């Protein structure tokens, strides 16, 4: 009974921490656009540095402006649930926890003028010393409390082996709408004394934050391997392959675009109207699970030569007063807010959203969120197809009782 209470308490603490404060990737300043953080060695993987390696993370973003802003950055060390740890800067950083962003370039021959900024972590000024979760915050030199943008990244020790598989023969249905994940965590090289109680495992599907789950204890142990199977937290809606569209040209309609129009001062990419796919058969498509890539078909340097265009999304679906519809993908920073929420146009009988996006190739899907809920569902619009190829990011932490930080022992991206 005591063990069960500890598990429930850990999950309640996780949910409370996720709800408190705003530690998600985001751009509170509306002029900051196209924020990306990647490991150039694995641009389609999670933003992870291997401790003690030569890895770097590249941060790239635009500020809509005619002139340069003087911007600085700092790091915040976080626990596994992304709540700030109580460590002081000198305990988790080599160097001062402040740096100036000096790598910037002005856009070239674009209708929308912007300044493109680049930053790498670690660098000569700032280098993480400890594994764990980190927030990188960007702010103007004149006001350190005014955070313009922030993004998440991780530093891991690569001390555990992570493997797993997925099955559509789940505890709730058989080859229908769900996928059940099974995990094995080998802690032989980790130095963890009590894997049954000190491991903290977090699983994320396709980069989404709303359906992320936390596991406090394995089902069983086999030698040094912790086994997580037949656990309700690892049962995921299967979803569907992401939709794709491109805005790489203003001279002709690219993929998914019905027409391109110029309405001063912007080009408009009007996408073909989407239809719900819940009642349709599964169709295989190899997508990037919500990611986007900046690209302009005639450009050799899209970071500064790709323009910003107005993209018009539309979804032909009856209005539901009890449900909100949101666009999901990295370009919305996986947030359910007014920027990603589809609005119902009664005159046209469909949901619509207009967004200013940099030219490129985008993956997206529609999620429905019941009023009062904190997570989205694929069933109503995209459908849940057990054949769908999904990505599961698995993060393994050591959380000792009374510790002030959580070690990140390993990160794996499992594709099934």
Protein backbone atom coordinates (compact mmCIF):
# COMPACT_ATOMS: atom_id res chain seq x y z
CA UNK A 1 0.00 0.00 0.00
CA UNK A 2 2.86 2.34 0.81
CA UNK A 3 4.48 1.59 -2.57
CA UNK A 4 1.23 2.34 -4.47
CA UNK A 5 0.81 5.63 -2.60
CA UNK A 6 4.35 6.65 -3.57
CA UNK A 7 3.58 5.99 -7.23
CA UNK A 8 0.36 8.01 -7.11
CA UNK A 9 2.10 10.83 -5.27
CA UNK A 10 4.87 10.97 -7.88
CA UNK A 11 2.34 11.22 -10.70
CA UNK A 12 0.40 13.96 -8.90
CA UNK A 13 3.63 15.91 -8.37
CA UNK A 14 4.46 15.46 -12.08
CA UNK A 15 1.06 16.81 -13.18
CA UNK A 16 1.26 19.74 -10.77
CA UNK A 17 4.74 20.68 -11.96
CA UNK A 18 3.70 20.52 -15.61
CA UNK A 19 0.75 22.80 -14.87
CA UNK A 20 2.72 25.32 -12.81
CA UNK A 21 4.57 28.05 -14.65
CA UNK A 22 5.50 28.01 -18.31
CA UNK A 23 8.56 25.92 -19.03
CA UNK A 24 7.55 24.89 -22.56
CA UNK A 25 9.29 25.96 -25.72
CA UNK A 26 7.68 29.22 -26.77
CA UNK A 27 8.00 32.78 -28.03
CA UNK A 28 6.10 35.20 -25.77
CA UNK A 29 7.25 38.03 -28.02
CA UNK A 30 5.19 37.80 -31.23
CA UNK A 31 8.08 39.20 -33.31
CA UNK A 32 10.15 36.07 -32.61
CA UNK A 33 9.47 33.42 -35.25
CA UNK A 34 10.69 30.04 -36.57
CA UNK A 35 12.47 29.02 -33.36
CA UNK A 36 14.44 25.78 -33.80
CA UNK A 37 16.95 23.88 -31.66
CA UNK A 38 18.66 20.81 -33.13
CA UNK A 39 21.75 18.67 -32.86
CA UNK A 40 23.29 19.07 -36.36
CA UNK A 41 24.51 15.45 -36.17
CA UNK A 42 20.91 14.27 -35.73
CA UNK A 43 18.60 17.07 -36.95
CA UNK A 44 15.50 14.86 -36.78
CA UNK A 45 16.19 13.63 -33.26
CA UNK A 46 15.51 15.24 -29.89
CA UNK A 47 17.62 18.22 -28.77
CA UNK A 48 20.18 16.30 -26.71
CA UNK A 49 23.83 16.83 -25.80
CA UNK A 50 25.89 13.83 -24.69
CA UNK A 51 27.83 14.86 -21.61
CA UNK A 52 31.56 15.02 -22.26
CA UNK A 53 31.20 14.62 -26.01
CA UNK A 54 31.86 17.11 -28.78
CA UNK A 55 28.12 17.57 -29.39
CA UNK A 56 26.69 21.02 -29.96
CA UNK A 57 23.15 22.25 -30.26
CA UNK A 58 22.29 24.88 -32.85
CA UNK A 59 19.61 27.44 -32.01
CA UNK A 60 18.16 29.46 -34.89
CA UNK A 61 15.34 32.02 -34.89
CA UNK A 62 14.11 35.20 -36.55
CA UNK A 63 12.98 38.52 -35.14
CA UNK A 64 10.63 40.47 -37.41
CA UNK A 65 12.44 43.79 -37.51
CA UNK A 66 14.26 46.29 -39.70
CA UNK A 67 17.23 46.43 -37.33
CA UNK A 68 19.19 44.27 -34.95
CA UNK A 69 18.08 43.80 -31.34
CA UNK A 70 20.71 43.35 -28.64
CA UNK A 71 19.83 39.93 -27.26
CA UNK A 72 21.29 37.82 -24.48
CA UNK A 73 20.62 34.31 -23.18
CA UNK A 74 20.84 32.23 -20.00
CA UNK A 75 20.25 28.61 -18.96
CA UNK A 76 17.87 27.26 -16.33
CA UNK A 77 18.57 23.80 -14.93
CA UNK A 78 15.38 21.76 -14.42
CA UNK A 79 14.14 18.58 -12.80
CA UNK A 80 12.67 15.71 -14.80
CA UNK A 81 9.25 17.41 -14.73
CA UNK A 82 10.80 20.68 -16.04
CA UNK A 83 10.37 22.51 -12.75
CA UNK A 84 13.54 24.55 -12.02
CA UNK A 85 16.06 22.76 -9.80
CA UNK A 86 17.53 24.43 -6.72
CA UNK A 87 21.11 24.20 -7.98
CA UNK A 88 23.10 27.42 -8.21
CA UNK A 89 24.70 28.36 -11.55
CA UNK A 90 28.22 27.27 -10.57
CA UNK A 91 26.97 23.75 -9.82
CA UNK A 92 25.67 23.03 -13.32
CA UNK A 93 27.62 25.44 -15.55
CA UNK A 94 31.19 26.09 -16.58
CA UNK A 95 31.33 29.85 -17.12
CA UNK A 96 28.94 32.70 -16.44
CA UNK A 97 25.24 32.08 -16.91
CA UNK A 98 24.84 34.86 -19.42
CA UNK A 99 25.93 35.39 -22.98
CA UNK A 100 25.41 37.77 -25.88
CA UNK A 101 23.96 36.59 -29.20
CA UNK A 102 26.35 38.13 -31.72
CA UNK A 103 25.72 35.91 -34.76
CA UNK A 104 22.99 37.65 -36.76
CA UNK A 105 22.17 38.43 -40.41
CA UNK A 106 19.54 40.53 -42.13
CA UNK A 107 17.01 38.99 -44.51
CA UNK A 108 17.76 39.39 -48.20
CA UNK A 109 15.22 40.56 -50.79
CA UNK A 110 12.19 39.51 -48.72
CA UNK A 111 8.85 41.31 -48.44
CA UNK A 112 8.84 40.66 -44.70
CA UNK A 113 12.01 42.06 -43.15
CA UNK A 114 13.60 40.08 -40.35
CA UNK A 115 16.90 39.46 -38.60
CA UNK A 116 18.10 35.85 -38.35
CA UNK A 117 20.01 34.88 -35.18
CA UNK A 118 22.19 31.84 -34.49
CA UNK A 119 23.63 30.46 -31.26
CA UNK A 120 25.40 27.23 -30.28
CA UNK A 121 25.50 25.46 -26.92
CA UNK A 122 28.04 24.76 -25.46
CA UNK A 123 30.33 27.64 -26.37
CA UNK A 124 33.28 29.57 -24.93
CA UNK A 125 31.01 31.40 -22.49
CA UNK A 126 28.55 28.73 -21.35
CA UNK A 127 28.92 24.93 -21.04
CA UNK A 128 26.64 22.58 -19.04
CA UNK A 129 28.43 20.44 -16.44
CA UNK A 130 25.58 18.20 -15.29
CA UNK A 131 23.11 15.98 -17.06
CA UNK A 132 19.42 16.84 -16.90
CA UNK A 133 16.84 19.12 -18.46
CA UNK A 134 17.66 22.71 -19.43
CA UNK A 135 15.75 25.76 -20.57
CA UNK A 136 17.52 28.28 -22.77
CA UNK A 137 15.95 31.72 -22.32
CA UNK A 138 16.47 34.64 -24.71
CA UNK A 139 15.86 38.22 -23.57
CA UNK A 140 16.75 41.80 -24.55
CA UNK A 141 19.89 43.24 -23.01
CA UNK A 142 17.87 46.14 -21.60
CA UNK A 143 15.42 43.95 -19.63
CA UNK A 144 16.54 40.50 -18.38
CA UNK A 145 13.05 39.80 -16.99
CA UNK A 146 11.40 40.13 -20.41
CA UNK A 147 11.84 36.64 -21.89
CA UNK A 148 11.29 36.82 -25.66
CA UNK A 149 11.77 33.11 -26.33
CA UNK A 150 12.76 29.91 -24.61
CA UNK A 151 13.42 26.37 -25.72
CA UNK A 152 14.04 23.04 -24.06
CA UNK A 153 17.07 20.82 -24.43
CA UNK A 154 18.65 17.93 -22.54
CA UNK A 155 22.10 16.79 -21.49
CA UNK A 156 22.44 13.03 -20.99
CA UNK A 157 25.11 10.68 -19.65
CA UNK A 158 24.46 7.66 -21.91
CA UNK A 159 24.65 5.34 -18.90
CA UNK A 160 21.66 3.10 -19.65
CA UNK A 161 20.57 0.89 -22.51
CA UNK A 162 17.06 1.62 -23.76
CA UNK A 163 15.13 -0.77 -25.98
CA UNK A 164 11.51 -1.60 -26.61
CA UNK A 165 8.81 -2.57 -29.02
CA UNK A 166 5.24 -1.67 -29.77
CA UNK A 167 2.23 -3.86 -30.42
CA UNK A 168 -1.29 -3.22 -31.69
CA UNK A 169 -2.50 -6.23 -29.70
CA UNK A 170 -3.18 -4.12 -26.67
CA UNK A 171 -4.90 -4.54 -23.33
CA UNK A 172 -7.96 -2.65 -24.66
CA UNK A 173 -8.27 -3.63 -28.34
CA UNK A 174 -6.77 -5.84 -31.06
CA UNK A 175 -5.38 -4.27 -34.26
CA UNK A 176 -7.72 -1.32 -33.85
CA UNK A 177 -6.94 2.19 -32.58
CA UNK A 178 -4.16 1.82 -30.01
CA UNK A 179 -0.49 0.97 -29.67
CA UNK A 180 1.02 -0.46 -26.49
CA UNK A 181 4.65 0.25 -25.76
CA UNK A 182 6.98 -2.09 -23.88
CA UNK A 183 10.33 -0.88 -22.54
CA UNK A 184 13.51 -2.40 -21.17
CA UNK A 185 16.05 -0.24 -19.32
CA UNK A 186 19.46 -1.81 -18.63
CA UNK A 187 21.12 0.05 -15.73
CA UNK A 188 24.30 -2.09 -15.54
CA UNK A 189 26.63 0.87 -16.27
CA UNK A 190 24.62 3.59 -14.53
CA UNK A 191 25.69 3.24 -10.91
CA UNK A 192 22.03 3.31 -9.84
CA UNK A 193 21.77 1.43 -6.54
CA UNK A 194 17.98 0.97 -6.48
CA UNK A 195 16.53 0.92 -10.01
CA UNK A 196 13.12 -0.13 -8.76
CA UNK A 197 12.64 3.06 -6.76
CA UNK A 198 15.16 5.57 -8.13
CA UNK A 199 14.40 5.42 -11.87
CA UNK A 200 12.01 7.93 -13.38
CA UNK A 201 11.01 7.23 -17.00
CA UNK A 202 9.26 9.76 -19.27
CA UNK A 203 7.76 8.81 -22.64
CA UNK A 204 6.62 11.16 -25.39
CA UNK A 205 4.85 10.31 -28.66
CA UNK A 206 5.81 12.23 -31.84
CA UNK A 207 7.19 15.23 -29.97
CA UNK A 208 3.83 15.98 -28.36
CA UNK A 209 3.77 17.40 -24.85
CA UNK A 210 0.09 16.93 -24.08
CA UNK A 211 0.15 13.10 -23.95
CA UNK A 212 3.56 12.71 -22.31
CA UNK A 213 3.57 10.11 -19.51
CA UNK A 214 5.76 9.46 -16.47
CA UNK A 215 6.55 6.02 -15.04
CA UNK A 216 7.81 5.81 -11.46
CA UNK A 217 8.33 2.05 -11.16
CA UNK A 218 8.84 -0.88 -13.53
CA UNK A 219 6.52 -3.86 -13.59
CA UNK A 220 9.43 -6.17 -12.76
CA UNK A 221 13.21 -6.56 -12.80
CA UNK A 222 15.33 -9.11 -14.64
CA UNK A 223 18.90 -8.83 -13.40
CA UNK A 224 19.94 -5.23 -14.09
CA UNK A 225 17.10 -4.67 -16.56
CA UNK A 226 13.92 -2.82 -15.54
CA UNK A 227 10.93 -4.05 -17.55
CA UNK A 228 7.90 -1.88 -18.27
CA UNK A 229 5.07 -3.82 -19.92
CA UNK A 230 1.27 -4.08 -19.70
CA UNK A 231 1.18 -0.70 -17.98
CA UNK A 232 -1.78 1.58 -18.73
CA UNK A 233 0.47 4.66 -19.03
CA UNK A 234 2.17 3.05 -22.06
CA UNK A 235 -1.09 2.66 -23.99
CA UNK A 236 -1.22 5.36 -26.69
CA UNK A 237 -3.81 6.29 -29.29
CA UNK A 238 -2.26 5.18 -32.59
CA UNK A 239 -3.13 8.38 -34.48
CA UNK A 240 -2.47 8.71 -38.20
CA UNK A 241 0.38 9.80 -40.45
CA UNK A 242 0.92 13.57 -40.31
CA UNK A 243 -0.35 15.76 -43.13
CA UNK A 244 2.19 17.59 -45.29
CA UNK A 245 2.29 20.94 -47.04
CA UNK A 246 4.97 23.15 -48.58
CA UNK A 247 5.28 26.90 -49.11
CA UNK A 248 8.64 26.76 -50.88
CA UNK A 249 7.50 28.87 -53.87
CA UNK A 250 5.39 31.97 -54.44
CA UNK A 251 5.45 31.43 -58.22
CA UNK A 252 3.40 28.22 -58.29
CA UNK A 253 1.30 26.20 -55.79
CA UNK A 254 3.58 23.68 -54.03
CA UNK A 255 2.44 20.48 -52.29
CA UNK A 256 -0.87 20.83 -50.47
CA UNK A 257 -1.45 24.39 -51.73
CA UNK A 258 -4.57 25.20 -53.73
CA UNK A 259 -3.50 28.69 -54.82
CA UNK A 260 -0.90 31.40 -54.26
CA UNK A 261 -2.04 35.01 -54.17
CA UNK A 262 -0.40 38.35 -53.50
CA UNK A 263 -2.46 40.67 -51.30
CA UNK A 264 -0.27 43.60 -50.35
CA UNK A 265 1.98 43.35 -48.36
CA UNK A 266 2.07 39.51 -48.21
CA UNK A 267 1.95 36.44 -50.39
CA UNK A 268 -0.83 34.06 -49.37
CA UNK A 269 -0.56 30.27 -49.57
CA UNK A 270 -4.14 29.02 -49.49
CA UNK A 271 -4.02 25.33 -48.64
CA UNK A 272 -6.40 22.78 -50.10
CA UNK A 273 -9.27 22.27 -47.66
CA UNK A 274 -8.60 19.29 -45.39
CA UNK A 275 -11.17 16.60 -44.68
CA UNK A 276 -11.48 14.39 -41.58
CA UNK A 277 -9.76 11.01 -42.06
CA UNK A 278 -11.30 9.14 -39.15
CA UNK A 279 -13.57 7.09 -41.43
CA UNK A 280 -10.99 6.52 -44.15
CA UNK A 281 -8.63 3.61 -44.64
CA UNK A 282 -5.03 3.93 -43.47
CA UNK A 283 -2.63 5.20 -46.14
CA UNK A 284 1.10 4.89 -45.57
CA UNK A 285 3.15 8.08 -45.86
CA UNK A 286 6.67 8.72 -44.63
CA UNK A 287 6.51 11.98 -42.69
CA UNK A 288 8.61 13.76 -40.07
CA UNK A 289 6.03 13.57 -37.28
CA UNK A 290 5.28 17.27 -37.00
CA UNK A 291 8.67 18.76 -37.81
CA UNK A 292 9.34 21.55 -40.29
CA UNK A 293 12.27 22.54 -42.50
CA UNK A 294 12.92 26.09 -43.76
CA UNK A 295 13.35 26.07 -47.54
CA UNK A 296 12.83 28.24 -50.60
CA UNK A 297 13.08 26.33 -53.87
CA UNK A 298 15.31 28.91 -55.61
CA UNK A 299 17.51 29.81 -52.63
CA UNK A 300 20.96 28.65 -51.55
CA UNK A 301 20.62 30.28 -48.11
CA UNK A 302 17.00 29.96 -46.94
CA UNK A 303 17.77 31.13 -43.38
CA UNK A 304 17.89 34.70 -44.72
CA UNK A 305 16.37 34.35 -48.21
CA UNK A 306 13.11 32.51 -47.42
CA UNK A 307 10.21 34.93 -47.00
CA UNK A 308 7.29 34.92 -44.59
CA UNK A 309 3.92 34.23 -46.20
CA UNK A 310 0.37 34.03 -44.88
CA UNK A 311 -0.76 30.39 -44.78
CA UNK A 312 -4.50 29.66 -44.71
CA UNK A 313 -5.51 26.33 -43.15
CA UNK A 314 -9.09 25.06 -43.46
CA UNK A 315 -10.85 21.93 -42.19
CA UNK A 316 -14.24 20.94 -43.53
CA UNK A 317 -15.89 19.59 -40.38
CA UNK A 318 -19.18 20.35 -38.58
CA UNK A 319 -18.98 22.69 -35.60
CA UNK A 320 -18.85 21.08 -32.16
CA UNK A 321 -19.52 23.56 -29.32
CA UNK A 322 -17.99 21.21 -26.74
CA UNK A 323 -14.68 20.69 -28.52
CA UNK A 324 -11.84 22.92 -29.66
CA UNK A 325 -9.71 22.06 -32.69
CA UNK A 326 -5.98 22.82 -32.74
CA UNK A 327 -3.13 22.55 -35.25
CA UNK A 328 -0.33 20.37 -33.91
CA UNK A 329 3.30 20.43 -35.05
CA UNK A 330 6.65 21.95 -34.18
CA UNK A 331 5.63 25.17 -35.96
CA UNK A 332 2.96 25.74 -33.27
CA UNK A 333 5.53 24.75 -30.59
CA UNK A 334 3.06 22.03 -29.54
CA UNK A 335 0.96 24.56 -27.67
CA UNK A 336 -2.80 24.77 -27.37
CA UNK A 337 -3.26 28.52 -27.58
CA UNK A 338 -4.97 31.15 -29.71
CA UNK A 339 -2.22 30.94 -32.32
CA UNK A 340 -2.84 27.24 -32.99
CA UNK A 341 -6.60 27.12 -32.40
CA UNK A 342 -8.85 26.72 -35.44
CA UNK A 343 -11.81 29.14 -35.57
CA UNK A 344 -15.14 28.06 -37.01
CA UNK A 345 -16.34 30.11 -40.01
CA UNK A 346 -20.14 29.75 -39.96
CA UNK A 347 -20.54 31.35 -43.37
CA UNK A 348 -18.26 28.80 -45.00
CA UNK A 349 -19.15 25.94 -42.69
CA UNK A 350 -15.57 25.01 -41.81
CA UNK A 351 -12.74 25.58 -39.35
CA UNK A 352 -10.01 28.03 -40.39
CA UNK A 353 -6.70 29.40 -39.15
CA UNK A 354 -4.43 32.01 -40.74
CA UNK A 355 -0.74 31.98 -39.77
CA UNK A 356 2.38 33.87 -40.83
CA UNK A 357 5.01 31.18 -41.54
CA UNK A 358 8.47 31.15 -43.04
CA UNK A 359 8.73 29.36 -46.37
CA UNK A 360 9.44 25.67 -46.00
CA UNK A 361 8.09 22.13 -45.72
CA UNK A 362 5.72 21.47 -42.82
CA UNK A 363 4.09 18.48 -41.13
CA UNK A 364 0.87 19.01 -39.21
CA UNK A 365 -2.20 17.30 -37.80
CA UNK A 366 -5.47 18.31 -36.16
CA UNK A 367 -6.13 17.55 -32.51
CA UNK A 368 -9.46 17.96 -30.76
CA UNK A 369 -9.46 19.11 -27.15
CA UNK A 370 -12.68 18.77 -25.11
CA UNK A 371 -13.43 21.92 -23.15
CA UNK A 372 -11.75 21.73 -19.77
CA UNK A 373 -9.25 19.08 -20.91
CA UNK A 374 -5.47 19.52 -21.07
CA UNK A 375 -4.69 17.07 -23.82
CA UNK A 376 -5.62 16.52 -27.44
CA UNK A 377 -7.07 13.55 -29.28
CA UNK A 378 -6.55 12.32 -32.83
CA UNK A 379 -9.69 10.16 -33.10
CA UNK A 380 -12.26 12.72 -34.33
CA UNK A 381 -10.29 14.25 -37.23
CA UNK A 382 -7.23 12.14 -38.04
CA UNK A 383 -8.51 8.79 -36.82
CA UNK A 384 -6.56 6.17 -34.88
CA UNK A 385 -5.00 3.58 -37.19
CA UNK A 386 -2.99 0.80 -35.58
CA UNK A 387 -0.65 0.64 -38.61
CA UNK A 388 0.60 4.21 -38.09
CA UNK A 389 4.35 4.64 -37.77
CA UNK A 390 5.04 6.61 -34.60
CA UNK A 391 8.11 7.86 -32.76
CA UNK A 392 8.46 7.43 -29.01
CA UNK A 393 11.08 9.47 -27.14
CA UNK A 394 12.14 7.70 -23.94
CA UNK A 395 14.01 9.63 -21.24
CA UNK A 396 15.45 7.84 -18.20
CA UNK A 397 16.28 9.82 -15.05
CA UNK A 398 17.70 8.90 -11.66
CA UNK A 399 15.78 10.58 -8.86
CA UNK A 400 17.19 9.82 -5.44
CA UNK A 401 15.18 10.73 -2.31
CA UNK A 402 16.20 14.19 -1.13
CA UNK A 403 18.29 14.98 -4.22
CA UNK A 404 18.32 18.50 -5.64
CA UNK A 405 18.58 17.43 -9.26
CA UNK A 406 17.64 14.50 -11.49
CA UNK A 407 20.39 12.80 -13.51
CA UNK A 408 19.44 12.14 -17.11
CA UNK A 409 20.92 8.70 -17.69
CA UNK A 410 19.85 8.22 -21.28
CA UNK A 411 17.57 9.27 -24.13
CA UNK A 412 16.37 7.11 -27.02
CA UNK A 413 14.12 7.74 -30.01
CA UNK A 414 12.25 4.54 -30.83
CA UNK A 415 10.56 4.36 -34.23
CA UNK A 416 7.89 1.73 -34.85
